[in-house]
Amino acid sequence: MGKIVCLMGKSSSGKDTIYKRILEQNGVNLQAIVPYTTRPIRAGEKEGVEYHFTDEAAFQKLAAQGRIIESRVYSTRLGLWRYFTVVDEQVDLQRYSYVMIGTLEAYTQLQRFYGKDKVLPVMIELDDGERLQRALDREKAQDHPKYEEMCRRFLADADDFSKEKREQAGIKQTFYNDEVDRCLDEILAYLRVHLADQAGR
C-alpha cells in the first residue's frame, strides 16, 4: 500500500525546488499529485505541472459532485483564490506512492480522507529574511508583479504555520533549507526509511 508525501512550508521556503528534485530521484519512486487552483498562472508555470489552473465555476461543480478532498481559500487583493485536491484518476495507493505540495490544513484534511497512516509530512523551514528576499526576487520576475499579495502571503504564513498549529498537526520533524542539496539529502533519507515498508512488499 502506497503513501502520500505532503511537502509543506511557508512561501518561498523552496518547496517547488525540493518537490521537483524529489520527483527526479529513482530511489524513492514517487508519483506527482498535481493540485488545482483558481489563481492566475504565473510566468514560468505550466498547466498540469505546478497546478491544474481552473476557475470558481469548475470548483463549485466538483464540490457539488463530492469530489473535493481538501480545499483552502484566500481573500486576496485580486479576489478569492482557491487551492484544492480532487478525487480524480491521479491517485492509486494500491500501486504507487505520491508526493504533493500542501499546507498544514491540507495535510490534516488528507489524513482524514486517506487515513493518518497513509499521509507522510515533510515540513521545510527557512529564515524569514531569506524567504522574503526570495519572494521579492520571484515577484520582480513576473510580467505584472503583485507585491501586496506577496506581503499578504508572507504575513499569513506566520499564522498558518504557527508552532501551535504544527503541534496540533503532529509535526515533529522539520528540514532546514538553507542549502538545497543538503536539505534534499536529509529528506530523501527520511523518505527511504518511512517508505521502506511499502518498498519491501
N, C-alpha and C. Protein backbone atom coordinates (compact mmCIF):
# COMPACT_ATOMS: atom_id res chain seq x y z
N MET A 1 0.84 -1.20 0.00
CA MET A 1 0.00 0.00 0.00
C MET A 1 0.88 1.24 0.00
N GLY A 2 0.58 2.19 -0.88
CA GLY A 2 1.38 3.39 -1.01
C GLY A 2 1.04 4.45 0.02
N LYS A 3 1.80 5.54 -0.01
CA LYS A 3 1.58 6.67 0.87
C LYS A 3 1.63 7.96 0.06
N ILE A 4 1.13 9.03 0.67
CA ILE A 4 1.20 10.36 0.07
C ILE A 4 2.14 11.21 0.91
N VAL A 5 3.19 11.70 0.30
CA VAL A 5 4.13 12.61 0.97
C VAL A 5 3.62 14.03 0.77
N CYS A 6 3.31 14.70 1.87
CA CYS A 6 2.81 16.07 1.80
C CYS A 6 3.94 17.03 2.15
N LEU A 7 4.41 17.75 1.15
CA LEU A 7 5.53 18.67 1.28
C LEU A 7 4.98 20.05 1.68
N MET A 8 5.41 20.55 2.84
CA MET A 8 4.83 21.78 3.38
C MET A 8 5.92 22.79 3.74
N GLY A 9 5.52 24.03 3.86
CA GLY A 9 6.44 25.08 4.28
C GLY A 9 5.87 26.43 3.93
N LYS A 10 6.41 27.46 4.55
CA LYS A 10 5.97 28.82 4.26
C LYS A 10 6.35 29.21 2.84
N SER A 11 5.75 30.26 2.33
CA SER A 11 6.03 30.71 0.96
C SER A 11 7.51 31.02 0.79
N SER A 12 8.04 30.65 -0.36
CA SER A 12 9.44 30.88 -0.74
C SER A 12 10.44 30.16 0.15
N SER A 13 10.02 29.05 0.75
CA SER A 13 10.95 28.24 1.54
C SER A 13 11.67 27.21 0.68
N GLY A 14 11.31 27.14 -0.61
CA GLY A 14 11.98 26.23 -1.52
C GLY A 14 11.22 24.95 -1.81
N LYS A 15 9.92 24.94 -1.51
CA LYS A 15 9.12 23.73 -1.72
C LYS A 15 9.12 23.27 -3.16
N ASP A 16 8.95 24.20 -4.10
CA ASP A 16 8.87 23.83 -5.52
C ASP A 16 10.15 23.16 -5.99
N THR A 17 11.29 23.71 -5.59
CA THR A 17 12.57 23.14 -6.00
C THR A 17 12.75 21.74 -5.42
N ILE A 18 12.48 21.59 -4.11
CA ILE A 18 12.60 20.29 -3.47
C ILE A 18 11.65 19.29 -4.10
N TYR A 19 10.43 19.72 -4.37
CA TYR A 19 9.41 18.86 -5.00
C TYR A 19 9.91 18.32 -6.34
N LYS A 20 10.42 19.20 -7.18
CA LYS A 20 10.91 18.78 -8.49
C LYS A 20 12.11 17.85 -8.37
N ARG A 21 12.99 18.14 -7.43
CA ARG A 21 14.17 17.29 -7.23
C ARG A 21 13.79 15.90 -6.72
N ILE A 22 12.80 15.83 -5.84
CA ILE A 22 12.33 14.53 -5.33
C ILE A 22 11.79 13.68 -6.47
N LEU A 23 11.04 14.29 -7.37
CA LEU A 23 10.45 13.55 -8.49
C LEU A 23 11.52 13.01 -9.44
N GLU A 24 12.71 13.62 -9.42
CA GLU A 24 13.81 13.17 -10.29
C GLU A 24 14.57 11.98 -9.71
N GLN A 25 14.31 11.66 -8.43
CA GLN A 25 15.06 10.60 -7.75
C GLN A 25 14.48 9.23 -8.08
N ASN A 26 15.31 8.32 -8.53
CA ASN A 26 14.84 6.96 -8.83
C ASN A 26 14.64 6.12 -7.57
N GLY A 27 15.40 6.42 -6.51
CA GLY A 27 15.37 5.58 -5.32
C GLY A 27 14.06 5.57 -4.56
N VAL A 28 13.31 6.70 -4.58
CA VAL A 28 12.07 6.75 -3.80
C VAL A 28 10.83 6.50 -4.65
N ASN A 29 10.95 6.64 -5.96
CA ASN A 29 9.87 6.27 -6.90
C ASN A 29 8.51 6.87 -6.53
N LEU A 30 8.47 8.19 -6.42
CA LEU A 30 7.23 8.87 -6.09
C LEU A 30 6.59 9.47 -7.34
N GLN A 31 5.27 9.36 -7.41
CA GLN A 31 4.50 9.97 -8.49
C GLN A 31 3.99 11.34 -8.03
N ALA A 32 3.72 12.21 -8.98
CA ALA A 32 3.24 13.56 -8.66
C ALA A 32 1.72 13.57 -8.51
N ILE A 33 1.25 14.31 -7.51
CA ILE A 33 -0.16 14.69 -7.44
C ILE A 33 -0.21 16.18 -7.75
N VAL A 34 -0.89 16.55 -8.80
CA VAL A 34 -0.97 17.96 -9.19
C VAL A 34 -2.27 18.54 -8.62
N PRO A 35 -2.18 19.49 -7.69
CA PRO A 35 -3.39 20.11 -7.14
C PRO A 35 -4.01 21.10 -8.12
N TYR A 36 -5.13 21.65 -7.73
CA TYR A 36 -5.86 22.60 -8.56
C TYR A 36 -5.85 23.97 -7.89
N THR A 37 -5.95 25.03 -8.70
CA THR A 37 -6.08 26.38 -8.15
C THR A 37 -6.89 27.26 -9.09
N THR A 38 -7.52 28.26 -8.48
CA THR A 38 -8.25 29.25 -9.29
C THR A 38 -7.45 30.54 -9.44
N ARG A 39 -6.24 30.58 -8.88
CA ARG A 39 -5.43 31.79 -9.03
C ARG A 39 -4.85 31.87 -10.43
N PRO A 40 -4.47 33.08 -10.88
CA PRO A 40 -3.88 33.22 -12.21
C PRO A 40 -2.55 32.49 -12.32
N ILE A 41 -2.26 31.99 -13.49
CA ILE A 41 -0.99 31.32 -13.74
C ILE A 41 0.14 32.35 -13.71
N ARG A 42 1.28 31.98 -13.14
CA ARG A 42 2.43 32.88 -13.06
C ARG A 42 3.39 32.62 -14.21
N ALA A 43 4.23 33.59 -14.48
CA ALA A 43 5.26 33.43 -15.51
C ALA A 43 6.13 32.23 -15.16
N GLY A 44 6.35 31.36 -16.15
CA GLY A 44 7.18 30.19 -15.95
C GLY A 44 6.42 28.95 -15.55
N GLU A 45 5.16 29.09 -15.14
CA GLU A 45 4.35 27.93 -14.76
C GLU A 45 3.69 27.33 -15.99
N LYS A 46 3.36 26.04 -15.89
CA LYS A 46 2.70 25.33 -16.98
C LYS A 46 1.49 24.57 -16.45
N GLU A 47 0.43 24.57 -17.21
CA GLU A 47 -0.76 23.81 -16.85
C GLU A 47 -0.42 22.34 -16.68
N GLY A 48 -0.88 21.78 -15.54
CA GLY A 48 -0.66 20.37 -15.29
C GLY A 48 0.69 20.04 -14.68
N VAL A 49 1.53 21.05 -14.44
CA VAL A 49 2.84 20.82 -13.82
C VAL A 49 2.78 21.30 -12.38
N GLU A 50 2.77 22.62 -12.17
CA GLU A 50 2.64 23.14 -10.80
C GLU A 50 1.21 22.95 -10.29
N TYR A 51 0.25 23.27 -11.14
CA TYR A 51 -1.17 23.15 -10.79
C TYR A 51 -1.98 22.84 -12.04
N HIS A 52 -3.23 22.40 -11.81
CA HIS A 52 -4.26 22.48 -12.82
C HIS A 52 -4.96 23.82 -12.58
N PHE A 53 -4.90 24.72 -13.55
CA PHE A 53 -5.47 26.05 -13.39
C PHE A 53 -6.92 26.04 -13.86
N THR A 54 -7.82 26.46 -12.98
CA THR A 54 -9.25 26.37 -13.29
C THR A 54 -9.95 27.62 -12.77
N ASP A 55 -11.26 27.57 -12.62
CA ASP A 55 -11.99 28.75 -12.17
C ASP A 55 -13.02 28.37 -11.10
N GLU A 56 -13.70 29.38 -10.59
CA GLU A 56 -14.65 29.16 -9.50
C GLU A 56 -15.80 28.25 -9.91
N ALA A 57 -16.28 28.40 -11.13
CA ALA A 57 -17.40 27.57 -11.59
C ALA A 57 -17.03 26.09 -11.59
N ALA A 58 -15.80 25.79 -12.03
CA ALA A 58 -15.34 24.39 -12.04
C ALA A 58 -15.21 23.86 -10.63
N PHE A 59 -14.70 24.70 -9.71
CA PHE A 59 -14.60 24.27 -8.30
C PHE A 59 -15.96 23.93 -7.74
N GLN A 60 -16.94 24.80 -7.96
CA GLN A 60 -18.28 24.57 -7.42
C GLN A 60 -18.91 23.30 -8.01
N LYS A 61 -18.63 23.03 -9.27
CA LYS A 61 -19.15 21.81 -9.89
C LYS A 61 -18.54 20.57 -9.25
N LEU A 62 -17.22 20.59 -9.04
CA LEU A 62 -16.55 19.46 -8.40
C LEU A 62 -17.04 19.28 -6.96
N ALA A 63 -17.26 20.40 -6.25
CA ALA A 63 -17.76 20.33 -4.88
C ALA A 63 -19.15 19.70 -4.85
N ALA A 64 -20.01 20.08 -5.80
CA ALA A 64 -21.37 19.53 -5.87
C ALA A 64 -21.34 18.03 -6.15
N GLN A 65 -20.30 17.57 -6.83
CA GLN A 65 -20.15 16.15 -7.13
C GLN A 65 -19.48 15.38 -5.99
N GLY A 66 -19.08 16.09 -4.92
CA GLY A 66 -18.43 15.45 -3.78
C GLY A 66 -17.02 15.00 -4.08
N ARG A 67 -16.34 15.68 -4.98
CA ARG A 67 -15.01 15.24 -5.42
C ARG A 67 -13.86 16.06 -4.83
N ILE A 68 -14.15 17.00 -3.92
CA ILE A 68 -13.09 17.80 -3.30
C ILE A 68 -12.58 17.08 -2.06
N ILE A 69 -11.31 16.72 -2.05
CA ILE A 69 -10.70 16.07 -0.88
C ILE A 69 -10.35 17.10 0.17
N GLU A 70 -9.70 18.16 -0.24
CA GLU A 70 -9.34 19.25 0.67
C GLU A 70 -9.29 20.53 -0.13
N SER A 71 -9.58 21.66 0.55
CA SER A 71 -9.54 22.94 -0.15
C SER A 71 -9.23 24.05 0.84
N ARG A 72 -8.57 25.10 0.32
CA ARG A 72 -8.29 26.30 1.08
C ARG A 72 -8.64 27.48 0.22
N VAL A 73 -9.14 28.54 0.83
CA VAL A 73 -9.48 29.74 0.07
C VAL A 73 -8.83 30.94 0.73
N TYR A 74 -8.29 31.84 -0.10
CA TYR A 74 -7.62 33.04 0.39
C TYR A 74 -8.26 34.27 -0.26
N SER A 75 -8.58 35.25 0.58
CA SER A 75 -9.12 36.50 0.08
C SER A 75 -7.95 37.42 -0.23
N THR A 76 -7.72 37.67 -1.50
CA THR A 76 -6.58 38.49 -1.93
C THR A 76 -7.06 39.81 -2.51
N ARG A 77 -6.11 40.66 -2.80
CA ARG A 77 -6.45 41.94 -3.44
C ARG A 77 -7.03 41.72 -4.84
N LEU A 78 -6.83 40.52 -5.37
CA LEU A 78 -7.29 40.20 -6.72
C LEU A 78 -8.50 39.29 -6.72
N GLY A 79 -9.11 39.10 -5.54
CA GLY A 79 -10.28 38.24 -5.44
C GLY A 79 -9.98 36.97 -4.66
N LEU A 80 -10.93 36.04 -4.65
CA LEU A 80 -10.75 34.78 -3.93
C LEU A 80 -9.92 33.81 -4.76
N TRP A 81 -8.89 33.26 -4.13
CA TRP A 81 -8.06 32.24 -4.77
C TRP A 81 -8.24 30.94 -4.00
N ARG A 82 -8.58 29.88 -4.69
CA ARG A 82 -8.75 28.57 -4.08
C ARG A 82 -7.60 27.65 -4.50
N TYR A 83 -7.22 26.81 -3.56
CA TYR A 83 -6.26 25.73 -3.81
C TYR A 83 -6.93 24.46 -3.31
N PHE A 84 -6.94 23.40 -4.12
CA PHE A 84 -7.68 22.21 -3.69
C PHE A 84 -7.18 20.95 -4.38
N THR A 85 -7.51 19.82 -3.75
CA THR A 85 -7.16 18.50 -4.27
C THR A 85 -8.44 17.77 -4.60
N VAL A 86 -8.43 17.04 -5.71
CA VAL A 86 -9.65 16.46 -6.27
C VAL A 86 -9.55 14.94 -6.35
N VAL A 87 -10.65 14.27 -6.13
CA VAL A 87 -10.73 12.83 -6.41
C VAL A 87 -10.76 12.68 -7.93
N ASP A 88 -9.65 12.26 -8.50
CA ASP A 88 -9.58 12.04 -9.94
C ASP A 88 -8.73 10.81 -10.22
N GLU A 89 -8.26 10.68 -11.44
CA GLU A 89 -7.54 9.47 -11.83
C GLU A 89 -6.07 9.48 -11.41
N GLN A 90 -5.64 10.53 -10.68
CA GLN A 90 -4.22 10.66 -10.35
C GLN A 90 -3.72 9.65 -9.33
N VAL A 91 -4.56 9.25 -8.36
CA VAL A 91 -4.08 8.51 -7.19
C VAL A 91 -4.54 7.05 -7.20
N ASP A 92 -3.58 6.14 -7.06
CA ASP A 92 -3.84 4.70 -6.91
C ASP A 92 -2.88 4.18 -5.85
N LEU A 93 -3.28 4.26 -4.58
CA LEU A 93 -2.40 3.87 -3.48
C LEU A 93 -2.18 2.37 -3.39
N GLN A 94 -2.94 1.62 -4.15
CA GLN A 94 -2.68 0.19 -4.20
C GLN A 94 -1.38 -0.12 -4.94
N ARG A 95 -0.96 0.81 -5.80
CA ARG A 95 0.20 0.54 -6.64
C ARG A 95 1.36 1.50 -6.42
N TYR A 96 1.07 2.76 -6.04
CA TYR A 96 2.12 3.76 -6.02
C TYR A 96 2.11 4.59 -4.74
N SER A 97 3.23 5.28 -4.49
CA SER A 97 3.30 6.35 -3.51
C SER A 97 3.44 7.67 -4.27
N TYR A 98 3.06 8.76 -3.61
CA TYR A 98 2.96 10.05 -4.28
C TYR A 98 3.59 11.16 -3.45
N VAL A 99 3.84 12.30 -4.11
CA VAL A 99 4.30 13.50 -3.42
C VAL A 99 3.50 14.67 -3.95
N MET A 100 3.15 15.59 -3.04
CA MET A 100 2.43 16.80 -3.43
C MET A 100 2.82 17.93 -2.49
N ILE A 101 2.58 19.15 -2.93
CA ILE A 101 2.81 20.33 -2.10
C ILE A 101 1.49 20.73 -1.47
N GLY A 102 1.53 21.00 -0.16
CA GLY A 102 0.30 21.38 0.53
C GLY A 102 0.58 22.29 1.70
N THR A 103 -0.45 22.53 2.50
CA THR A 103 -0.36 23.31 3.73
C THR A 103 -0.65 22.40 4.91
N LEU A 104 -0.50 22.93 6.12
CA LEU A 104 -0.88 22.15 7.30
C LEU A 104 -2.35 21.76 7.24
N GLU A 105 -3.18 22.69 6.80
CA GLU A 105 -4.62 22.41 6.68
C GLU A 105 -4.87 21.30 5.67
N ALA A 106 -4.18 21.37 4.54
CA ALA A 106 -4.33 20.34 3.52
C ALA A 106 -3.86 18.99 4.06
N TYR A 107 -2.76 18.99 4.79
CA TYR A 107 -2.21 17.77 5.37
C TYR A 107 -3.23 17.08 6.28
N THR A 108 -3.86 17.84 7.16
CA THR A 108 -4.82 17.24 8.09
C THR A 108 -6.07 16.75 7.36
N GLN A 109 -6.49 17.46 6.32
CA GLN A 109 -7.66 17.01 5.56
C GLN A 109 -7.34 15.76 4.74
N LEU A 110 -6.13 15.67 4.21
CA LEU A 110 -5.71 14.47 3.50
C LEU A 110 -5.67 13.27 4.45
N GLN A 111 -5.23 13.49 5.69
CA GLN A 111 -5.23 12.42 6.68
C GLN A 111 -6.64 11.92 6.94
N ARG A 112 -7.58 12.85 7.05
CA ARG A 112 -8.97 12.45 7.30
C ARG A 112 -9.53 11.65 6.14
N PHE A 113 -9.13 12.00 4.93
CA PHE A 113 -9.69 11.33 3.74
C PHE A 113 -9.05 9.97 3.51
N TYR A 114 -7.71 9.91 3.57
CA TYR A 114 -6.99 8.68 3.23
C TYR A 114 -6.62 7.83 4.46
N GLY A 115 -6.57 8.46 5.65
CA GLY A 115 -6.11 7.76 6.85
C GLY A 115 -4.76 8.32 7.29
N LYS A 116 -4.56 8.43 8.60
CA LYS A 116 -3.33 9.03 9.12
C LYS A 116 -2.09 8.27 8.70
N ASP A 117 -2.19 6.95 8.58
CA ASP A 117 -1.02 6.15 8.23
C ASP A 117 -0.65 6.25 6.76
N LYS A 118 -1.49 6.90 5.96
CA LYS A 118 -1.25 6.99 4.51
C LYS A 118 -0.63 8.31 4.09
N VAL A 119 -0.54 9.28 5.00
CA VAL A 119 -0.04 10.62 4.64
C VAL A 119 1.19 10.94 5.48
N LEU A 120 2.31 11.20 4.81
CA LEU A 120 3.60 11.42 5.46
C LEU A 120 3.99 12.90 5.34
N PRO A 121 4.21 13.60 6.48
CA PRO A 121 4.54 15.03 6.41
C PRO A 121 6.03 15.28 6.18
N VAL A 122 6.33 16.29 5.35
CA VAL A 122 7.70 16.80 5.20
C VAL A 122 7.61 18.32 5.29
N MET A 123 8.05 18.86 6.44
CA MET A 123 7.96 20.30 6.69
C MET A 123 9.31 20.96 6.42
N ILE A 124 9.32 21.92 5.49
CA ILE A 124 10.54 22.65 5.12
C ILE A 124 10.54 24.01 5.81
N GLU A 125 11.69 24.39 6.36
CA GLU A 125 11.81 25.69 7.04
C GLU A 125 12.97 26.49 6.45
N LEU A 126 12.89 27.80 6.63
CA LEU A 126 13.95 28.70 6.18
C LEU A 126 13.80 30.02 6.92
N ASP A 127 14.92 30.70 7.17
CA ASP A 127 14.92 32.00 7.83
C ASP A 127 13.97 32.97 7.12
N ASP A 128 13.18 33.73 7.90
CA ASP A 128 12.18 34.63 7.32
C ASP A 128 12.80 35.68 6.40
N GLY A 129 13.97 36.20 6.76
CA GLY A 129 14.61 37.20 5.91
C GLY A 129 14.99 36.64 4.56
N GLU A 130 15.51 35.43 4.54
CA GLU A 130 15.86 34.78 3.28
C GLU A 130 14.63 34.50 2.45
N ARG A 131 13.55 34.06 3.12
CA ARG A 131 12.31 33.79 2.39
C ARG A 131 11.76 35.06 1.75
N LEU A 132 11.79 36.15 2.50
CA LEU A 132 11.26 37.41 1.98
C LEU A 132 12.05 37.90 0.78
N GLN A 133 13.38 37.74 0.82
CA GLN A 133 14.21 38.14 -0.32
C GLN A 133 13.91 37.27 -1.53
N ARG A 134 13.76 35.96 -1.31
CA ARG A 134 13.42 35.05 -2.41
C ARG A 134 12.07 35.42 -3.02
N ALA A 135 11.10 35.74 -2.15
CA ALA A 135 9.76 36.09 -2.63
C ALA A 135 9.81 37.38 -3.46
N LEU A 136 10.59 38.34 -3.00
CA LEU A 136 10.71 39.61 -3.72
C LEU A 136 11.37 39.39 -5.08
N ASP A 137 12.43 38.59 -5.11
CA ASP A 137 13.11 38.31 -6.38
C ASP A 137 12.17 37.60 -7.35
N ARG A 138 11.37 36.66 -6.84
CA ARG A 138 10.44 35.94 -7.71
C ARG A 138 9.36 36.86 -8.24
N GLU A 139 8.85 37.75 -7.38
CA GLU A 139 7.78 38.64 -7.81
C GLU A 139 8.28 39.65 -8.85
N LYS A 140 9.52 40.11 -8.68
CA LYS A 140 10.09 41.05 -9.65
C LYS A 140 10.17 40.44 -11.04
N ALA A 141 10.31 39.13 -11.11
CA ALA A 141 10.46 38.44 -12.39
C ALA A 141 9.13 38.26 -13.12
N GLN A 142 8.01 38.54 -12.45
CA GLN A 142 6.70 38.39 -13.08
C GLN A 142 6.44 39.54 -14.05
N ASP A 143 5.62 39.28 -15.06
CA ASP A 143 5.25 40.34 -16.01
C ASP A 143 4.50 41.46 -15.30
N HIS A 144 3.67 41.08 -14.33
CA HIS A 144 2.89 42.07 -13.57
C HIS A 144 3.04 41.75 -12.08
N PRO A 145 4.11 42.23 -11.46
CA PRO A 145 4.36 41.91 -10.04
C PRO A 145 3.19 42.31 -9.14
N LYS A 146 2.89 41.45 -8.17
CA LYS A 146 1.79 41.69 -7.23
C LYS A 146 2.40 41.72 -5.83
N TYR A 147 3.01 42.85 -5.50
CA TYR A 147 3.74 42.95 -4.25
C TYR A 147 2.83 42.91 -3.03
N GLU A 148 1.64 43.50 -3.14
CA GLU A 148 0.71 43.47 -2.00
C GLU A 148 0.30 42.04 -1.68
N GLU A 149 0.05 41.24 -2.71
CA GLU A 149 -0.31 39.85 -2.49
C GLU A 149 0.87 39.07 -1.92
N MET A 150 2.08 39.38 -2.37
CA MET A 150 3.26 38.74 -1.82
C MET A 150 3.37 39.00 -0.32
N CYS A 151 3.15 40.24 0.09
CA CYS A 151 3.22 40.59 1.50
C CYS A 151 2.10 39.92 2.30
N ARG A 152 0.90 39.83 1.72
CA ARG A 152 -0.21 39.17 2.41
C ARG A 152 0.14 37.71 2.68
N ARG A 153 0.70 37.02 1.66
CA ARG A 153 1.07 35.62 1.84
C ARG A 153 2.13 35.46 2.93
N PHE A 154 3.11 36.36 2.91
CA PHE A 154 4.20 36.28 3.87
C PHE A 154 3.67 36.42 5.30
N LEU A 155 2.78 37.38 5.53
CA LEU A 155 2.23 37.60 6.87
C LEU A 155 1.27 36.47 7.27
N ALA A 156 0.50 35.97 6.32
CA ALA A 156 -0.45 34.90 6.63
C ALA A 156 0.26 33.62 7.04
N ASP A 157 1.46 33.40 6.52
CA ASP A 157 2.22 32.20 6.86
C ASP A 157 2.53 32.10 8.36
N ALA A 158 2.71 33.26 9.01
CA ALA A 158 3.02 33.26 10.43
C ALA A 158 1.92 32.58 11.22
N ASP A 159 0.68 32.77 10.80
CA ASP A 159 -0.45 32.11 11.47
C ASP A 159 -0.66 30.70 10.94
N ASP A 160 -0.61 30.54 9.63
CA ASP A 160 -0.88 29.23 9.03
C ASP A 160 0.10 28.16 9.51
N PHE A 161 1.35 28.55 9.77
CA PHE A 161 2.39 27.60 10.18
C PHE A 161 2.89 27.90 11.59
N SER A 162 2.01 28.37 12.45
CA SER A 162 2.41 28.69 13.82
C SER A 162 2.84 27.42 14.56
N LYS A 163 3.61 27.61 15.63
CA LYS A 163 4.07 26.48 16.44
C LYS A 163 2.90 25.67 16.96
N GLU A 164 1.85 26.37 17.39
CA GLU A 164 0.67 25.69 17.93
C GLU A 164 0.00 24.81 16.89
N LYS A 165 -0.14 25.33 15.67
CA LYS A 165 -0.81 24.56 14.62
C LYS A 165 0.05 23.37 14.17
N ARG A 166 1.37 23.56 14.16
CA ARG A 166 2.24 22.43 13.80
C ARG A 166 2.15 21.33 14.85
N GLU A 167 2.09 21.73 16.12
CA GLU A 167 1.97 20.74 17.18
C GLU A 167 0.63 20.02 17.09
N GLN A 168 -0.45 20.76 16.80
CA GLN A 168 -1.77 20.15 16.66
C GLN A 168 -1.79 19.14 15.53
N ALA A 169 -1.05 19.42 14.47
CA ALA A 169 -0.99 18.52 13.32
C ALA A 169 -0.04 17.35 13.54
N GLY A 170 0.70 17.39 14.64
CA GLY A 170 1.61 16.29 14.95
C GLY A 170 2.93 16.34 14.19
N ILE A 171 3.34 17.54 13.75
CA ILE A 171 4.60 17.68 13.02
C ILE A 171 5.75 17.71 14.03
N LYS A 172 6.60 16.70 13.98
CA LYS A 172 7.69 16.59 14.94
C LYS A 172 9.06 16.83 14.33
N GLN A 173 9.18 16.69 13.02
CA GLN A 173 10.47 16.85 12.36
C GLN A 173 10.36 17.86 11.24
N THR A 174 11.38 18.72 11.12
CA THR A 174 11.41 19.70 10.04
C THR A 174 12.77 19.62 9.34
N PHE A 175 12.84 20.22 8.14
CA PHE A 175 14.05 20.18 7.33
C PHE A 175 14.41 21.61 6.94
N TYR A 176 15.61 22.05 7.35
CA TYR A 176 16.02 23.44 7.12
C TYR A 176 16.68 23.55 5.75
N ASN A 177 16.14 24.46 4.92
CA ASN A 177 16.53 24.52 3.51
C ASN A 177 17.44 25.72 3.21
N ASP A 178 18.52 25.87 3.98
CA ASP A 178 19.48 26.92 3.66
C ASP A 178 20.44 26.49 2.56
N GLU A 179 20.53 25.19 2.33
CA GLU A 179 21.36 24.65 1.25
C GLU A 179 20.60 23.47 0.65
N VAL A 180 20.18 23.62 -0.59
CA VAL A 180 19.18 22.71 -1.15
C VAL A 180 19.67 21.27 -1.26
N ASP A 181 20.94 21.05 -1.63
CA ASP A 181 21.43 19.68 -1.78
C ASP A 181 21.45 18.94 -0.44
N ARG A 182 21.92 19.63 0.60
CA ARG A 182 21.94 19.01 1.92
C ARG A 182 20.53 18.72 2.42
N CYS A 183 19.63 19.69 2.25
CA CYS A 183 18.24 19.53 2.67
C CYS A 183 17.59 18.37 1.92
N LEU A 184 17.83 18.29 0.63
CA LEU A 184 17.26 17.21 -0.17
C LEU A 184 17.77 15.85 0.30
N ASP A 185 19.07 15.77 0.59
CA ASP A 185 19.64 14.50 1.06
C ASP A 185 18.97 14.06 2.37
N GLU A 186 18.72 15.00 3.28
CA GLU A 186 18.08 14.66 4.55
C GLU A 186 16.65 14.19 4.33
N ILE A 187 15.95 14.86 3.43
CA ILE A 187 14.57 14.47 3.15
C ILE A 187 14.51 13.09 2.51
N LEU A 188 15.41 12.83 1.56
CA LEU A 188 15.42 11.53 0.89
C LEU A 188 15.73 10.40 1.87
N ALA A 189 16.65 10.65 2.81
CA ALA A 189 16.96 9.63 3.82
C ALA A 189 15.73 9.35 4.68
N TYR A 190 15.02 10.40 5.03
CA TYR A 190 13.78 10.28 5.82
C TYR A 190 12.72 9.49 5.04
N LEU A 191 12.57 9.79 3.76
CA LEU A 191 11.56 9.11 2.94
C LEU A 191 11.90 7.64 2.75
N ARG A 192 13.17 7.33 2.56
CA ARG A 192 13.55 5.92 2.37
C ARG A 192 13.20 5.08 3.58
N VAL A 193 13.36 5.66 4.77
CA VAL A 193 13.01 4.94 6.00
C VAL A 193 11.49 4.75 6.09
N HIS A 194 10.74 5.82 5.85
CA HIS A 194 9.29 5.77 6.08
C HIS A 194 8.51 5.13 4.93
N LEU A 195 9.16 4.99 3.79
CA LEU A 195 8.50 4.29 2.67
C LEU A 195 9.03 2.88 2.51
N ALA A 196 9.94 2.47 3.37
CA ALA A 196 10.61 1.16 3.23
C ALA A 196 9.63 0.00 3.35
N ASP A 197 8.60 0.14 4.22
CA ASP A 197 7.66 -0.97 4.40
C ASP A 197 6.88 -1.25 3.12
N GLN A 198 6.60 -0.16 2.37
CA GLN A 198 5.90 -0.36 1.09
C GLN A 198 6.82 -0.96 0.04
N ALA A 199 8.10 -0.45 0.02
CA ALA A 199 9.05 -0.92 -0.99
C ALA A 199 9.35 -2.40 -0.84
N GLY A 200 9.26 -2.91 0.39
CA GLY A 200 9.59 -4.30 0.61
C GLY A 200 8.49 -5.28 0.27
N ARG A 201 7.34 -4.75 -0.11
CA ARG A 201 6.22 -5.64 -0.41
C ARG A 201 6.25 -6.14 -1.84
